[in-house]
Protein backbone atom coordinates (compact mmCIF):
# COMPACT_ATOMS: atom_id res chain seq x y z
CA ILE A 1 105.79 -20.99 190.17
CA LEU A 2 105.13 -22.89 193.58
CA LEU A 3 101.51 -23.62 192.73
CA LEU A 4 102.71 -25.86 189.56
CA PHE A 5 104.08 -28.44 191.75
CA ALA A 6 100.89 -29.05 194.13
CA PRO A 7 100.44 -31.57 195.57
CA LYS A 8 103.88 -33.24 194.67
CA PRO A 9 106.73 -32.74 197.26
CA LEU A 10 108.50 -29.48 197.19
CA LEU A 11 111.01 -27.86 199.39
CA VAL A 12 111.80 -24.20 199.31
CA LEU A 13 115.43 -23.26 200.13
CA ALA A 14 115.74 -19.71 201.51
CA ALA A 15 118.48 -17.38 202.81
CA GLU A 16 117.33 -15.12 205.78
CA TYR A 17 119.67 -12.37 205.05
CA ASP A 18 119.12 -12.27 201.13
CA PHE A 19 118.12 -9.38 199.15
CA PHE A 20 115.06 -11.14 198.34
CA PRO A 21 113.06 -10.45 201.56
CA ILE A 22 112.55 -13.41 203.56
CA GLU A 23 109.29 -12.07 204.79
CA ALA A 24 107.95 -12.23 201.16
CA THR A 25 109.33 -15.97 200.92
CA ARG A 26 107.63 -16.95 204.26
CA ARG A 27 104.16 -15.29 203.07
CA THR A 28 104.41 -17.08 199.66
CA VAL A 29 105.00 -20.50 201.08
CA ALA A 30 102.28 -19.95 203.46
CA ARG A 31 99.70 -18.91 200.90
CA SER A 32 100.65 -21.72 198.63
CA ARG A 33 100.49 -24.43 201.34
CA LYS A 34 96.66 -23.92 201.51
CA PHE A 35 96.79 -25.58 197.89
CA TRP A 36 98.62 -28.69 199.12
CA ALA A 37 96.01 -28.89 202.18
CA LEU A 38 93.32 -29.28 199.30
CA HIS A 39 94.80 -32.49 198.61
CA GLY A 40 95.42 -33.64 202.25
CA LYS A 41 99.41 -33.13 201.67
CA GLU A 42 100.18 -30.07 203.55
CA GLU A 43 103.42 -31.76 204.86
CA GLN A 44 104.63 -32.14 201.33
CA LEU A 45 105.42 -28.39 201.02
CA GLN A 46 108.40 -27.44 203.22
CA LEU A 47 110.35 -24.25 203.95
CA VAL A 48 114.03 -24.38 205.22
CA GLU A 49 115.90 -21.45 206.03
CA ASP A 50 119.55 -20.63 206.96
CA ALA A 51 120.79 -17.50 208.54
CA SER A 52 122.80 -16.31 205.65
CA PRO A 53 122.95 -13.88 202.88
CA HIS A 54 122.39 -14.74 199.18
CA ARG A 55 124.17 -18.08 198.65
CA TYR A 56 123.67 -21.85 198.75
CA THR A 57 125.09 -22.79 201.98
CA ASP A 58 126.17 -26.38 203.07
CA ALA A 59 123.05 -26.67 205.38
CA LEU A 60 120.65 -25.85 202.59
CA ALA A 61 122.88 -28.25 200.38
CA ALA A 62 122.34 -30.95 203.02
CA GLU A 63 118.47 -30.46 203.51
CA ALA A 64 118.06 -30.57 199.83
CA ALA A 65 120.13 -33.86 199.74
CA ALA A 66 118.08 -35.22 202.45
CA PHE A 67 114.93 -34.21 200.61
CA PHE A 68 115.77 -36.09 197.47
CA ARG A 69 116.93 -39.05 199.37
CA ARG A 70 113.38 -39.10 201.29
CA HIS A 71 111.13 -38.63 198.31
CA LEU A 72 113.36 -40.46 195.60
CA LEU A 73 115.02 -43.40 197.55
CA GLY A 74 112.59 -43.73 200.34
CA ASP A 75 115.23 -42.90 202.91
CA LEU A 76 113.38 -41.47 206.01
CA HIS A 77 116.57 -40.74 208.13
CA ALA A 78 116.70 -37.22 209.40
CA VAL A 79 119.12 -34.77 207.64
CA PRO A 80 122.62 -35.17 209.30
CA THR A 81 123.90 -31.99 211.28
CA LEU A 82 127.16 -31.05 209.87
CA PRO A 83 129.85 -30.16 212.36
CA GLU A 84 131.31 -26.60 211.88
CA GLU A 85 134.65 -27.67 210.65
CA GLU A 86 133.28 -30.01 208.13
CA ARG A 87 132.30 -28.65 204.76
CA LEU A 88 130.87 -29.89 201.75
CA ARG A 89 133.64 -30.32 199.14
CA PRO A 90 132.38 -29.74 195.52
CA LEU A 91 133.36 -32.56 193.11
CA PRO A 92 136.03 -31.86 190.42
CA PRO A 93 134.02 -30.44 187.37
CA ARG A 94 134.88 -33.31 185.18
CA GLU A 95 133.04 -35.62 187.29
CA LEU A 96 129.93 -33.43 186.92
CA TRP A 97 130.17 -33.37 182.93
CA CYS A 98 127.24 -34.79 180.99
CA THR A 99 129.25 -34.93 177.83
CA ARG A 100 132.72 -36.27 177.04
CA GLY A 101 134.41 -32.94 176.76
CA GLY A 102 132.09 -30.83 178.76
CA HIS A 103 130.39 -28.77 175.86
CA VAL A 104 127.23 -29.96 174.44
CA ARG A 105 127.70 -28.17 170.92
CA GLU A 106 130.98 -29.91 170.47
CA GLN A 107 129.60 -33.31 171.00
CA PHE A 108 126.43 -32.66 169.08
CA PRO A 109 126.83 -30.54 166.11
CA ASP A 110 123.07 -30.21 165.60
CA ALA A 111 122.56 -28.84 169.26
CA ARG A 112 120.85 -25.28 169.29
CA ILE A 113 121.45 -22.58 171.78
CA VAL A 114 119.15 -19.75 172.87
CA ARG A 115 120.84 -17.30 170.07
CA ASP A 116 120.01 -20.16 167.55
CA GLU A 117 116.32 -20.08 168.71
CA ASN A 118 116.26 -16.44 168.75
CA ILE A 119 117.47 -16.12 165.14
CA ARG A 120 114.92 -18.63 163.85
CA ARG A 121 112.07 -16.59 165.73
CA ALA A 122 113.18 -13.32 164.39
CA ALA A 123 113.20 -14.88 160.71
CA ARG A 124 109.80 -16.09 161.30
CA LEU A 125 108.52 -12.83 162.36
CA GLU A 126 110.32 -11.07 159.50
CA ALA A 127 108.66 -13.33 157.03
CA ARG A 128 105.32 -12.91 158.59
CA ARG A 129 105.55 -9.15 158.21
CA GLU A 130 106.66 -9.20 154.75
CA ARG A 131 103.62 -11.52 153.87
CA THR A 132 101.36 -8.83 155.60
CA LYS A 133 100.16 -5.73 153.34
CA ARG A 134 102.29 -2.74 154.31
CA ARG A 135 99.43 -0.20 154.96
CA GLU A 136 97.68 -2.85 157.20
CA LEU A 137 101.15 -3.69 159.01
CA LEU A 138 101.91 -0.12 159.81
CA ARG A 139 98.35 0.62 161.10
CA GLU A 140 98.28 -2.53 163.47
CA ALA A 141 101.97 -1.77 164.33
CA GLU A 142 100.89 1.79 165.35
CA ARG A 143 98.02 0.68 167.42
CA TRP A 144 100.20 -1.89 169.19
CA LEU A 145 102.85 0.78 169.92
CA ARG A 146 100.52 3.44 171.25
CA GLU A 147 98.99 0.71 173.59
CA LYS A 148 102.57 -0.04 174.76
CA VAL A 149 103.74 3.45 175.35
CA LEU A 150 100.41 5.32 176.62
CA ARG A 151 98.43 2.71 178.41
CA PRO A 152 100.69 2.33 181.40
CA ARG A 153 101.13 5.97 182.11
CA ARG A 154 99.51 8.19 184.72
CA PRO A 155 99.00 11.46 182.96
CA HIS A 156 99.95 14.75 184.82
CA ALA A 157 100.19 18.41 183.58
CA LEU A 158 103.94 19.28 182.89
CA ASN A 159 104.02 22.01 185.19
CA PRO A 160 107.55 23.02 184.32
CA ARG A 161 110.27 24.80 186.53
CA TYR A 162 112.80 27.01 184.81
CA VAL A 163 116.08 28.00 186.29
CA GLN A 164 118.55 30.34 184.57
CA MET A 165 121.90 28.86 184.35
CA GLY A 166 123.91 31.81 182.97
CA ILE A 167 126.01 32.31 180.13
CA VAL A 168 129.22 30.22 178.94
CA ASP A 169 131.19 30.76 175.72
CA GLY A 170 128.35 32.94 174.53
CA LEU A 171 125.88 30.48 175.05
CA ARG A 172 122.86 31.04 177.41
CA SER A 173 121.39 28.01 179.12
CA ASP A 174 118.20 27.31 181.24
CA TYR A 175 117.73 24.23 183.25
CA VAL A 176 113.90 23.15 183.19
CA LEU A 177 112.30 20.39 185.08
CA TRP A 178 108.76 18.99 184.36
CA TRP A 179 106.49 16.05 184.99
CA SER A 180 106.68 13.47 182.38
CA GLN A 181 103.94 11.35 184.15
CA ALA A 182 102.63 11.19 187.70
CA GLY A 183 105.53 10.55 190.02
CA ILE A 184 108.10 10.90 187.41
CA MET A 185 109.96 13.91 186.48
CA ASN A 186 112.43 14.63 183.36
CA SER A 187 114.60 17.50 182.81
CA ALA A 188 116.82 19.29 180.30
CA TYR A 189 119.30 21.83 179.72
CA VAL A 190 117.90 24.40 177.01
CA ILE A 191 120.88 26.07 175.39
CA CYS A 192 121.11 28.70 172.70
CA ALA A 193 123.40 31.64 171.32
CA GLU A 194 122.83 34.65 173.57
CA ASN A 195 121.67 36.96 170.71
CA THR A 196 118.82 34.43 169.73
CA GLU A 197 117.27 34.34 173.27
CA CYS A 198 114.13 36.57 172.25
CA ALA A 199 113.96 35.62 168.67
CA SER A 200 110.60 34.01 167.63
CA GLU A 201 110.34 30.67 165.77
CA VAL A 202 113.66 29.41 166.79
CA PRO A 203 114.24 25.93 165.38
CA ALA A 204 114.72 23.58 168.34
CA VAL A 205 116.74 20.23 168.53
CA LEU A 206 115.98 17.51 171.14
CA ALA A 207 119.22 15.74 171.76
CA ILE A 208 119.64 12.56 173.58
CA TRP A 209 122.72 10.61 174.52
CA ASP A 210 123.97 8.40 177.26
CA GLY A 211 124.54 10.31 180.60
CA GLY A 212 122.29 13.21 179.27
CA THR A 213 123.22 16.58 180.98
CA THR A 214 125.81 15.00 182.81
CA GLU A 215 127.86 14.69 179.56
CA LEU A 216 127.68 18.19 178.25
CA ALA A 217 131.30 18.94 178.43
CA GLY A 218 132.04 16.00 175.95
CA HIS A 219 129.22 17.37 173.39
CA TRP A 220 130.01 20.97 173.66
CA GLY A 221 131.46 21.35 170.28
CA TRP A 222 128.17 19.95 168.70
CA ILE A 223 126.10 22.05 170.99
CA SER A 224 127.92 25.11 170.43
CA GLY A 225 127.76 24.57 166.48
CA ALA A 226 123.96 23.96 166.82
CA CYS A 227 123.46 27.02 168.73
CA ARG A 228 125.46 29.30 166.79
CA ALA A 229 123.61 28.02 163.59
CA GLY A 230 120.52 29.62 165.26
CA LYS A 231 118.94 26.61 167.11
CA ALA A 232 117.81 26.01 170.57
CA VAL A 233 119.21 22.82 171.70
CA PHE A 234 117.25 20.52 174.59
CA VAL A 235 119.60 18.03 176.10
CA LEU A 236 116.88 15.69 177.44
CA ASN A 237 117.31 13.73 180.68
CA VAL A 238 114.76 10.73 179.96
CA SER A 239 113.80 8.49 182.86
CA GLY A 240 116.86 7.02 184.81
CA VAL A 241 119.21 9.31 183.00
CA GLY A 242 121.62 12.22 184.35
CA PRO A 243 120.12 13.62 187.62
CA HIS A 244 117.22 10.99 187.52
CA ALA A 245 119.92 8.03 187.78
CA PRO A 246 118.79 5.81 190.46
CA TYR A 247 121.19 4.99 193.34
CA PRO A 248 123.19 1.62 192.87
CA ILE A 249 121.71 -1.21 194.93
CA PHE A 250 124.32 -3.92 193.77
CA ASP A 251 128.11 -3.64 193.85
CA LYS A 252 127.94 -3.15 190.15
CA PRO A 253 128.08 -0.19 187.86
CA PRO A 254 124.60 1.14 187.56
CA HIS A 255 124.62 0.44 183.66
CA ALA A 256 126.06 -2.84 183.71
CA PHE A 257 124.25 -6.23 183.03
CA PHE A 258 122.61 -7.02 186.41
CA GLY A 259 123.11 -3.36 187.58
CA VAL A 260 120.33 -1.39 189.07
CA MET A 261 119.19 -0.06 185.59
CA HIS A 262 119.04 -3.65 184.35
CA LYS A 263 117.13 -4.60 187.57
CA LEU A 264 114.56 -1.79 187.33
CA ALA A 265 114.10 -2.33 183.38
CA ASP A 266 113.48 -6.01 183.99
CA ASP A 267 110.81 -5.09 186.77
CA LEU A 268 109.02 -2.86 184.18
CA ILE A 269 108.97 -5.88 181.78
CA TRP A 270 107.45 -8.19 184.26
CA ILE A 271 104.54 -5.79 184.99
CA GLY A 272 103.81 -5.46 181.20
CA ASP A 273 105.78 -2.11 180.77
CA SER A 274 109.32 -1.46 179.48
CA LEU A 275 111.94 1.16 179.88
CA ALA A 276 111.99 1.82 176.12
CA ALA A 277 108.26 2.47 176.02
CA MET A 278 108.72 4.64 178.95
CA ARG A 279 111.33 6.73 177.43
CA THR A 280 109.52 7.05 174.26
CA TYR A 281 106.74 8.65 176.26
CA ASP A 282 109.08 10.92 177.82
CA VAL A 283 110.12 12.08 174.28
CA LEU A 284 106.53 12.79 173.42
CA ARG A 285 106.30 14.81 176.51
CA ALA A 286 109.39 16.56 175.79
CA THR A 287 108.12 17.69 172.48
CA GLU A 288 105.00 18.97 174.05
CA LEU A 289 107.15 21.00 176.44
CA ILE A 290 108.88 22.27 173.50
CA ARG A 291 105.86 23.34 171.68
CA THR A 292 104.26 25.12 174.67
CA ALA A 293 107.54 26.74 176.24
CA HIS A 294 107.70 30.39 176.29
CA GLY A 295 104.41 30.66 174.39
CA GLY A 296 105.43 28.67 171.59
CA ARG A 297 108.38 30.55 170.79
CA TYR A 298 110.17 27.53 169.29
CA GLY A 299 109.64 26.37 165.66
CA ARG A 300 110.51 23.36 163.93
CA ILE A 301 111.63 20.48 166.10
CA ASP A 302 114.47 17.97 164.99
CA GLY A 303 116.09 15.19 166.83
CA TYR A 304 119.77 14.33 167.41
CA ALA A 305 120.72 11.26 169.00
CA GLU A 306 123.96 9.19 169.91
CA GLY A 307 124.01 5.35 170.35
CA ARG A 308 120.78 3.42 170.49
CA ASN A 309 118.95 6.45 171.88
CA ASP A 310 117.72 7.24 168.56
CA MET A 311 115.02 4.47 169.16
CA TYR A 312 113.30 6.62 171.42
CA LEU A 313 113.14 9.59 169.05
CA ARG A 314 112.06 7.21 165.96
CA LEU A 315 109.19 5.43 168.23
CA ALA A 316 107.85 8.89 169.33
CA GLN A 317 107.80 10.03 165.78
CA VAL A 318 105.72 7.20 164.93
CA LEU A 319 103.16 8.11 167.62
CA GLY A 320 103.09 11.69 166.36
CA ALA A 321 105.83 13.54 168.05
CA PRO A 322 106.21 16.63 165.77
CA ILE A 323 109.87 15.83 165.12
CA GLU A 324 110.54 16.49 161.54
CA SER A 325 114.00 14.83 161.01
CA ILE A 326 116.27 12.80 163.17
CA GLU A 327 120.13 12.69 163.06
CA ALA A 328 121.47 9.46 164.44
CA VAL A 329 125.12 8.62 165.25
CA GLY A 330 125.75 4.99 165.93
CA GLY A 331 121.98 4.33 165.94
CA ILE A 332 120.41 0.95 166.63
CA GLY A 333 119.30 0.55 163.12
CA SER A 334 117.46 -2.73 162.67
CA VAL A 335 116.36 -4.69 165.95
CA THR A 336 116.09 -7.80 163.75
CA GLU A 337 119.72 -7.59 162.94
CA TRP A 338 120.70 -6.79 166.70
CA VAL A 339 119.04 -10.28 167.76
CA ARG A 340 121.07 -12.05 164.97
CA ALA A 341 124.37 -10.58 166.07
CA ALA A 342 126.93 -12.90 167.41
CA ASP A 343 128.22 -10.20 169.79
CA TYR A 344 126.82 -6.97 170.99
CA GLU A 345 127.22 -4.37 173.68
CA GLU A 346 124.95 -5.56 176.65
CA GLU A 347 125.36 -2.73 178.60
CA GLU A 348 121.68 -1.41 179.40
CA ALA A 349 120.44 -4.07 176.86
CA PHE A 350 117.13 -3.88 178.42
CA SER A 351 116.67 -0.20 178.17
CA TYR A 352 115.80 -0.85 174.04
CA ILE A 353 113.55 -3.78 174.40
CA ILE A 354 109.74 -3.65 173.96
CA PRO A 355 108.86 -7.16 174.31
CA GLY A 356 106.76 -8.32 171.22
CA MET A 357 107.75 -5.50 168.95
CA LEU A 358 109.15 -7.60 166.15
CA ALA A 359 105.80 -9.43 165.96
CA TYR A 360 104.58 -6.12 164.43
CA PHE A 361 107.25 -3.97 163.15
CA ASP A 362 111.18 -3.39 162.75
CA LEU A 363 112.62 0.03 162.87
CA PRO A 364 113.40 0.06 159.10
CA ASP A 365 109.84 -0.39 158.67
CA TRP A 366 109.24 3.22 158.98
CA SER A 367 112.19 4.26 157.29
CA ASP A 368 110.49 5.51 154.21
CA GLY A 369 108.77 8.30 156.17
CA GLU A 370 105.25 6.76 155.70
CA GLN A 371 103.18 7.84 158.67
CA PRO A 372 100.42 5.81 160.50
CA GLY A 373 97.19 6.03 158.84
CA GLU A 374 98.23 6.99 155.59
């Protein structure tokens, strides 16, 4: 970002006690200054610091004002030192308005906001998909999705660990922990009726919901019903869920907008990955575990999801996960419709985004059961 300004005047304002490390800011400015030096204007790039946590302090504001006066007005006077008792007073909001009433859309009916542009772009992508031959579209979509889900991973043997947890309400449970990829573990509770423990070809249900195994009590009725129907239930903790949830790093709930999950999901997007792709890979690995556990004792695999977690099951199914059917309660449905919505639940929104997906497919494109390559 800094290099875009070279060799024009640029002032970097930094707080020394910010959660952004001051060492990185200093290093970045020092590295960037070399490009101003190539033009003989090294002094045009400045760094000003204040001993403060994350905020725009009076001292930084005064430095910014002096910077603009110097370069826009030719005022070469030094920045004034503010007495401790004197504080900058913000102007009344009305004096800062750029429109008569303070709202652009009220004054300009044809004004467009970000949501409007998102809707227009989603419509263009939808029309382009409709113009593409279906089989060609799905083949290309499958190749793209495979690249997004598999390429960033570092493969690792599952190496599962099983811990017997005992019997509750006539249901036997084991806790199993395994490597989804190098450095990242997933886990699940495996629950079945006590009398089906040694049966062969027991059908398995891979269940995903918010909170994973930390929310067993609230789902016990469904779990019990599935087990008494002769199924083995795998309650899956994908990356960042249940016991794998990260510690909060902000004074916000971990799943709220700008909470720790938002921050980590955003980091993944910046490096070309996504939490949605990562969790889709987790599902692929979980089905591999089910297929190989206990000598392949389990038979067919079905999926059960609550909330938007069905996305991970559906995308894994596209990539060949042996999931024969998926029951979704309150699922995500169409991502395009999600984009068009005037209001939507923003909690963990970044956990269900694979950037670029709508250029290739939307979830309903796979709804007729056609498999990649058919």
